[in-house]
C-alpha atoms as a PDB file:
ATOM      1  CA  MET A   1     -19.252  -8.421  95.500  1.00  0.00           C
ATOM      2  CA  LEU A   2     -18.111  -5.735  97.890  1.00  0.00           C
ATOM      3  CA  TYR A   3     -16.101  -6.708 100.995  1.00  0.00           C
ATOM      4  CA  LYS A   4     -15.444  -4.909 104.240  1.00  0.00           C
ATOM      5  CA  THR A   5     -12.469  -5.027 106.622  1.00  0.00           C
ATOM      6  CA  VAL A   6     -12.715  -4.451 110.373  1.00  0.00           C
ATOM      7  CA  GLU A   7      -9.731  -3.457 112.505  1.00  0.00           C
ATOM      8  CA  PHE A   8      -9.946  -3.339 116.299  1.00  0.00           C
ATOM      9  CA  GLN A   9      -7.958  -3.795 119.494  1.00  0.00           C
ATOM     10  CA  ASN A  10      -8.834  -6.710 121.735  1.00  0.00           C
ATOM     11  CA  VAL A  11      -8.865  -6.791 125.548  1.00  0.00           C
ATOM     12  CA  VAL A  12      -5.116  -7.449 125.686  1.00  0.00           C
ATOM     13  CA  GLY A  13      -4.374  -4.486 123.389  1.00  0.00           C
ATOM     14  CA  GLN A  14      -3.479  -6.412 120.224  1.00  0.00           C
ATOM     15  CA  LYS A  15      -4.504  -4.810 116.944  1.00  0.00           C
ATOM     16  CA  LEU A  16      -6.508  -7.386 114.964  1.00  0.00           C
ATOM     17  CA  LYS A  17      -7.928  -7.301 111.447  1.00  0.00           C
ATOM     18  CA  VAL A  18     -10.877  -9.278 110.037  1.00  0.00           C
ATOM     19  CA  VAL A  19     -11.007  -9.264 106.224  1.00  0.00           C
ATOM     20  CA  ASP A  20     -13.403 -10.583 103.545  1.00  0.00           C
ATOM     21  CA  ILE A  21     -16.643  -9.575 105.253  1.00  0.00           C
ATOM     22  CA  PRO A  22     -19.353  -9.537 102.538  1.00  0.00           C
ATOM     23  CA  VAL A  23     -21.485  -6.400 102.315  1.00  0.00           C
ATOM     24  CA  VAL A  24     -25.149  -7.181 101.635  1.00  0.00           C
ATOM     25  CA  ALA A  25     -28.382  -5.197 101.920  1.00  0.00           C
ATOM     26  CA  ARG A  26     -30.635  -5.619 104.946  1.00  0.00           C
ATOM     27  CA  SER A  27     -33.207  -7.263 102.683  1.00  0.00           C
ATOM     28  CA  HIS A  28     -30.697  -9.925 101.515  1.00  0.00           C
ATOM     29  CA  ARG A  29     -31.653 -13.411 102.679  1.00  0.00           C
ATOM     30  CA  HIS A  30     -28.229 -14.017 104.284  1.00  0.00           C
ATOM     31  CA  PHE A  31     -28.018 -10.673 106.142  1.00  0.00           C
ATOM     32  CA  PHE A  32     -28.974 -12.057 109.565  1.00  0.00           C
ATOM     33  CA  MET A  33     -26.740 -15.122 109.157  1.00  0.00           C
ATOM     34  CA  ILE A  34     -23.738 -12.935 108.256  1.00  0.00           C
ATOM     35  CA  GLN A  35     -24.390 -10.610 111.178  1.00  0.00           C
ATOM     36  CA  ALA A  36     -24.776 -13.460 113.691  1.00  0.00           C
ATOM     37  CA  ARG A  37     -21.752 -15.403 112.390  1.00  0.00           C
ATOM     38  CA  LEU A  38     -19.590 -12.276 112.406  1.00  0.00           C
ATOM     39  CA  GLN A  39     -20.467 -11.645 116.049  1.00  0.00           C
ATOM     40  CA  MET A  40     -19.686 -15.282 116.940  1.00  0.00           C
ATOM     41  CA  PHE A  41     -16.383 -15.011 115.021  1.00  0.00           C
ATOM     42  CA  ILE A  42     -15.220 -11.722 116.557  1.00  0.00           C
ATOM     43  CA  SER A  43     -16.181 -12.423 120.205  1.00  0.00           C
ATOM     44  CA  PRO A  44     -13.413 -14.980 120.922  1.00  0.00           C
ATOM     45  CA  LEU A  45     -10.912 -12.830 119.009  1.00  0.00           C
ATOM     46  CA  TYR A  46     -11.760  -9.865 121.200  1.00  0.00           C
ATOM     47  CA  ASN A  47     -11.615 -11.725 124.527  1.00  0.00           C
ATOM     48  CA  GLN A  48      -8.382 -13.738 124.142  1.00  0.00           C
ATOM     49  CA  ARG A  49      -4.773 -13.172 123.093  1.00  0.00           C
ATOM     50  CA  GLN A  50      -4.202 -14.282 119.479  1.00  0.00           C
ATOM     51  CA  THR A  51      -1.122 -15.610 117.705  1.00  0.00           C
ATOM     52  CA  LYS A  52      -2.158 -14.085 114.341  1.00  0.00           C
ATOM     53  CA  ASP A  53      -3.194 -10.520 113.666  1.00  0.00           C
ATOM     54  CA  CYS A  54      -5.255 -11.003 110.466  1.00  0.00           C
ATOM     55  CA  PHE A  55      -8.249 -13.333 110.070  1.00  0.00           C
ATOM     56  CA  SER A  56     -10.451 -14.168 107.057  1.00  0.00           C
ATOM     57  CA  PHE A  57     -14.195 -14.184 107.683  1.00  0.00           C
ATOM     58  CA  ARG A  58     -14.684 -15.872 104.306  1.00  0.00           C
ATOM     59  CA  ASP A  59     -12.533 -18.854 105.380  1.00  0.00           C
ATOM     60  CA  TYR A  60     -14.479 -19.034 108.634  1.00  0.00           C
ATOM     61  CA  LEU A  61     -17.807 -19.114 106.769  1.00  0.00           C
ATOM     62  CA  LYS A  62     -16.447 -21.763 104.411  1.00  0.00           C
ATOM     63  CA  ARG A  63     -15.987 -24.073 107.415  1.00  0.00           C
ATOM     64  CA  LYS A  64     -19.171 -23.144 109.313  1.00  0.00           C
ATOM     65  CA  ILE A  65     -22.065 -22.894 106.855  1.00  0.00           C
ATOM     66  CA  LYS A  66     -23.541 -25.235 104.268  1.00  0.00           C
ATOM     67  CA  TRP A  67     -21.615 -25.286 101.011  1.00  0.00           C
ATOM     68  CA  SER A  68     -24.709 -24.373  98.966  1.00  0.00           C
ATOM     69  CA  ASP A  69     -25.234 -21.248 101.104  1.00  0.00           C
ATOM     70  CA  PHE A  70     -21.551 -20.364 100.753  1.00  0.00           C
ATOM     71  CA  GLU A  71     -21.746 -20.699  96.963  1.00  0.00           C
ATOM     72  CA  ASN A  72     -24.878 -18.535  96.829  1.00  0.00           C
ATOM     73  CA  LEU A  73     -23.313 -15.875  99.013  1.00  0.00           C
ATOM     74  CA  PHE A  74     -19.950 -15.674  97.245  1.00  0.00           C
ATOM     75  CA  HIS A  75     -21.168 -16.649  93.736  1.00  0.00           C
ATOM     76  CA  ILE A  76     -18.697 -19.495  93.215  1.00  0.00           C
ATOM     77  CA  ASP A  77     -18.300 -20.560  89.594  1.00  0.00           C
ATOM     78  CA  ASN A  78     -17.403 -24.245  89.294  1.00  0.00           C
ATOM     79  CA  ARG A  79     -15.798 -24.099  85.845  1.00  0.00           C
ATOM     80  CA  LYS A  80     -12.599 -26.079  85.749  1.00  0.00           C
ATOM     81  CA  SER A  81     -11.254 -24.695  82.482  1.00  0.00           C
ATOM     82  CA  ASN A  82     -11.798 -21.885  80.040  1.00  0.00           C
ATOM     83  CA  ASP A  83     -12.708 -24.252  77.207  1.00  0.00           C
ATOM     84  CA  ASP A  84     -16.425 -23.590  77.814  1.00  0.00           C
ATOM     85  CA  SER A  85     -15.965 -19.957  76.835  1.00  0.00           C
ATOM     86  CA  LEU A  86     -14.748 -20.944  73.356  1.00  0.00           C
ATOM     87  CA  ILE A  87     -18.294 -21.939  72.453  1.00  0.00           C
ATOM     88  CA  TYR A  88     -19.328 -18.276  72.410  1.00  0.00           C
ATOM     89  CA  PHE A  89     -16.841 -17.158  69.733  1.00  0.00           C
ATOM     90  CA  PRO A  90     -18.512 -16.109  66.498  1.00  0.00           C
ATOM     91  CA  SER A  91     -18.513 -18.852  63.901  1.00  0.00           C
ATOM     92  CA  SER A  92     -17.341 -16.452  61.173  1.00  0.00           C
ATOM     93  CA  VAL A  93     -13.854 -16.278  62.732  1.00  0.00           C
ATOM     94  CA  ARG A  94     -11.797 -19.252  61.578  1.00  0.00           C
ATOM     95  CA  ASN A  95      -8.145 -19.925  60.943  1.00  0.00           C
ATOM     96  CA  ASP A  96      -8.710 -20.284  57.190  1.00  0.00           C
ATOM     97  CA  ASP A  97     -10.046 -16.692  57.060  1.00  0.00           C
ATOM     98  CA  PHE A  98      -6.604 -15.344  57.875  1.00  0.00           C
ATOM     99  CA  PRO A  99      -3.811 -15.256  55.284  1.00  0.00           C
ATOM    100  CA  SER A 100      -0.804 -17.464  56.022  1.00  0.00           C
END
């Protein structure tokens, strides 16, 4: 997935950065939700003095939207280990095929 970063100065003159903004097509089912949530996220940042200068939109969405929507948007893979990938090795490769 492609991500965007927005840098701006708020009312007080602080330079702020919002990172991890997903880029999706207008026809994507989450386009409106991303646009609306981004506006709701940036508005308080713009109007008030902040203690931090860098904010993650992804972390904000993680707290604000349903987990299933978050997984669909960011394509989260729930594998806990790489052992599942061993299934796809060709069966012709074995330890006894190699000389000791």
